[in-house]
């Protein structure tokens, strides 16, 4: 998984994400309403109509994606799985987000 894999198109949360498969309802607020990775550092978040910064990190247990909305005081972390070119899965990383998950499809 690289930033290049994410750039291009609009990503919409279509389901939750469990055991590598879509399952249930999307639960990764604010990203389930739609996001667009503009470049290797910036992602537009539809819910807030603003840009967040993001970065990928390989921690040895998997690839993490971190989002920071400076103006809103928001910091979120997920494990990210590349399912295929147009589908990714997010699993909440921190305790407060441990129940969150999203299956995102590129439109």
C-alpha atoms as a PDB file:
ATOM      1  CA  UNK A   1       0.000   0.000   0.000  1.00  0.00           C
ATOM      2  CA  UNK A   2       1.355   3.394  -1.037  1.00  0.00           C
ATOM      3  CA  UNK A   3      -0.018   6.897  -1.345  1.00  0.00           C
ATOM      4  CA  UNK A   4      -0.137   6.396  -5.115  1.00  0.00           C
ATOM      5  CA  UNK A   5      -2.643   3.568  -4.577  1.00  0.00           C
ATOM      6  CA  UNK A   6      -5.024   6.040  -2.923  1.00  0.00           C
ATOM      7  CA  UNK A   7      -4.763   9.099  -5.171  1.00  0.00           C
ATOM      8  CA  UNK A   8      -7.408   9.461  -7.880  1.00  0.00           C
ATOM      9  CA  UNK A   9     -11.127   9.038  -7.599  1.00  0.00           C
ATOM     10  CA  UNK A  10     -13.512   9.476  -4.739  1.00  0.00           C
ATOM     11  CA  UNK A  11     -13.667   6.830  -1.992  1.00  0.00           C
ATOM     12  CA  UNK A  12     -17.100   6.029  -0.488  1.00  0.00           C
ATOM     13  CA  UNK A  13     -17.766   3.845   2.561  1.00  0.00           C
ATOM     14  CA  UNK A  14     -20.129   1.104   1.414  1.00  0.00           C
ATOM     15  CA  UNK A  15     -19.901  -1.360   4.321  1.00  0.00           C
ATOM     16  CA  UNK A  16     -18.073  -2.240   7.490  1.00  0.00           C
ATOM     17  CA  UNK A  17     -14.921  -4.342   7.210  1.00  0.00           C
ATOM     18  CA  UNK A  18     -14.372  -7.672   8.955  1.00  0.00           C
ATOM     19  CA  UNK A  19     -11.915 -10.510   8.261  1.00  0.00           C
ATOM     20  CA  UNK A  20     -10.936  -9.005   4.906  1.00  0.00           C
ATOM     21  CA  UNK A  21     -14.524  -8.754   3.660  1.00  0.00           C
ATOM     22  CA  UNK A  22     -17.302  -6.134   3.570  1.00  0.00           C
ATOM     23  CA  UNK A  23     -19.701  -6.695   6.477  1.00  0.00           C
ATOM     24  CA  UNK A  24     -22.544  -4.651   7.916  1.00  0.00           C
ATOM     25  CA  UNK A  25     -22.741  -0.877   7.831  1.00  0.00           C
ATOM     26  CA  UNK A  26     -19.758   1.481   7.405  1.00  0.00           C
ATOM     27  CA  UNK A  27     -18.508   2.800  10.744  1.00  0.00           C
ATOM     28  CA  UNK A  28     -15.508   5.066  10.270  1.00  0.00           C
ATOM     29  CA  UNK A  29     -16.851   8.553  10.796  1.00  0.00           C
ATOM     30  CA  UNK A  30     -16.036  10.957   9.197  1.00  0.00           C
ATOM     31  CA  UNK A  31     -14.671   8.978   6.252  1.00  0.00           C
ATOM     32  CA  UNK A  32     -17.707   6.847   5.441  1.00  0.00           C
ATOM     33  CA  UNK A  33     -19.372   9.841   3.713  1.00  0.00           C
ATOM     34  CA  UNK A  34     -16.547  10.071   1.189  1.00  0.00           C
ATOM     35  CA  UNK A  35     -12.944  11.162   0.871  1.00  0.00           C
ATOM     36  CA  UNK A  36     -10.617  12.142  -1.938  1.00  0.00           C
ATOM     37  CA  UNK A  37      -6.849  11.736  -1.681  1.00  0.00           C
ATOM     38  CA  UNK A  38      -5.550  14.837  -3.469  1.00  0.00           C
ATOM     39  CA  UNK A  39      -1.823  14.107  -3.220  1.00  0.00           C
ATOM     40  CA  UNK A  40       0.697  12.273  -1.009  1.00  0.00           C
ATOM     41  CA  UNK A  41      -0.146  14.421   2.029  1.00  0.00           C
ATOM     42  CA  UNK A  42      -3.687  15.782   1.657  1.00  0.00           C
ATOM     43  CA  UNK A  43      -7.116  14.171   1.737  1.00  0.00           C
ATOM     44  CA  UNK A  44     -10.422  16.000   1.314  1.00  0.00           C
ATOM     45  CA  UNK A  45     -13.044  14.892   3.879  1.00  0.00           C
ATOM     46  CA  UNK A  46     -16.609  15.378   2.628  1.00  0.00           C
ATOM     47  CA  UNK A  47     -18.233  15.299   6.078  1.00  0.00           C
ATOM     48  CA  UNK A  48     -16.328  18.398   7.201  1.00  0.00           C
ATOM     49  CA  UNK A  49     -15.850  19.969   3.754  1.00  0.00           C
ATOM     50  CA  UNK A  50     -12.159  20.439   4.532  1.00  0.00           C
ATOM     51  CA  UNK A  51      -8.725  18.944   3.952  1.00  0.00           C
ATOM     52  CA  UNK A  52      -6.917  16.704   6.428  1.00  0.00           C
ATOM     53  CA  UNK A  53      -3.290  15.668   6.315  1.00  0.00           C
ATOM     54  CA  UNK A  54      -2.560  11.933   6.164  1.00  0.00           C
ATOM     55  CA  UNK A  55       0.417   9.583   6.150  1.00  0.00           C
ATOM     56  CA  UNK A  56       1.072   5.861   5.911  1.00  0.00           C
ATOM     57  CA  UNK A  57       3.282   3.950   8.329  1.00  0.00           C
ATOM     58  CA  UNK A  58       4.426   0.316   8.374  1.00  0.00           C
ATOM     59  CA  UNK A  59       4.592  -0.706  12.033  1.00  0.00           C
ATOM     60  CA  UNK A  60       5.476  -4.363  11.409  1.00  0.00           C
ATOM     61  CA  UNK A  61       1.928  -5.563  12.184  1.00  0.00           C
ATOM     62  CA  UNK A  62       0.496  -3.957   9.062  1.00  0.00           C
ATOM     63  CA  UNK A  63       0.153  -0.641   7.308  1.00  0.00           C
ATOM     64  CA  UNK A  64      -1.393   2.169   9.324  1.00  0.00           C
ATOM     65  CA  UNK A  65      -2.990   5.295   7.931  1.00  0.00           C
ATOM     66  CA  UNK A  66      -3.103   8.376  10.118  1.00  0.00           C
ATOM     67  CA  UNK A  67      -5.389  11.365   9.556  1.00  0.00           C
ATOM     68  CA  UNK A  68      -5.047  14.770  11.147  1.00  0.00           C
ATOM     69  CA  UNK A  69      -7.590  17.572  10.872  1.00  0.00           C
ATOM     70  CA  UNK A  70      -5.576  20.388  12.448  1.00  0.00           C
ATOM     71  CA  UNK A  71      -8.335  23.004  12.320  1.00  0.00           C
ATOM     72  CA  UNK A  72     -10.829  20.638  13.961  1.00  0.00           C
ATOM     73  CA  UNK A  73      -8.432  19.058  16.462  1.00  0.00           C
ATOM     74  CA  UNK A  74      -9.028  15.561  15.032  1.00  0.00           C
ATOM     75  CA  UNK A  75      -6.482  12.732  14.915  1.00  0.00           C
ATOM     76  CA  UNK A  76      -7.518   9.234  13.760  1.00  0.00           C
ATOM     77  CA  UNK A  77      -5.569   6.045  13.033  1.00  0.00           C
ATOM     78  CA  UNK A  78      -6.608   2.923  11.155  1.00  0.00           C
ATOM     79  CA  UNK A  79      -5.014  -0.214   9.830  1.00  0.00           C
ATOM     80  CA  UNK A  80      -5.469  -0.127   6.058  1.00  0.00           C
ATOM     81  CA  UNK A  81      -5.727  -3.100   3.695  1.00  0.00           C
ATOM     82  CA  UNK A  82      -5.588  -2.854  -0.074  1.00  0.00           C
ATOM     83  CA  UNK A  83      -8.225  -5.290  -1.319  1.00  0.00           C
ATOM     84  CA  UNK A  84      -7.731  -4.412  -4.990  1.00  0.00           C
ATOM     85  CA  UNK A  85      -7.165  -1.292  -7.076  1.00  0.00           C
ATOM     86  CA  UNK A  86     -10.582   0.152  -6.202  1.00  0.00           C
ATOM     87  CA  UNK A  87     -11.321  -1.234  -2.733  1.00  0.00           C
ATOM     88  CA  UNK A  88      -9.656  -0.703   0.650  1.00  0.00           C
ATOM     89  CA  UNK A  89     -10.505  -1.734   4.181  1.00  0.00           C
ATOM     90  CA  UNK A  90     -10.022   0.340   7.332  1.00  0.00           C
ATOM     91  CA  UNK A  91      -9.922  -1.046  10.879  1.00  0.00           C
ATOM     92  CA  UNK A  92      -9.796   1.300  13.877  1.00  0.00           C
ATOM     93  CA  UNK A  93      -6.402   1.204  15.548  1.00  0.00           C
ATOM     94  CA  UNK A  94      -6.695   2.973  18.900  1.00  0.00           C
ATOM     95  CA  UNK A  95      -8.871   1.806  21.813  1.00  0.00           C
ATOM     96  CA  UNK A  96     -11.406   4.541  21.165  1.00  0.00           C
ATOM     97  CA  UNK A  97     -11.663   3.429  17.515  1.00  0.00           C
ATOM     98  CA  UNK A  98     -11.304  -0.332  18.000  1.00  0.00           C
ATOM     99  CA  UNK A  99     -14.921  -0.986  16.956  1.00  0.00           C
ATOM    100  CA  UNK A 100     -14.703   1.177  13.823  1.00  0.00           C
ATOM    101  CA  UNK A 101     -14.319  -0.274  10.354  1.00  0.00           C
ATOM    102  CA  UNK A 102     -15.046   0.678   6.779  1.00  0.00           C
ATOM    103  CA  UNK A 103     -14.939  -0.904   3.354  1.00  0.00           C
ATOM    104  CA  UNK A 104     -14.273   1.924   0.916  1.00  0.00           C
ATOM    105  CA  UNK A 105     -14.861   1.712  -2.835  1.00  0.00           C
ATOM    106  CA  UNK A 106     -13.328   4.078  -5.364  1.00  0.00           C
ATOM    107  CA  UNK A 107     -15.945   5.788  -7.522  1.00  0.00           C
END
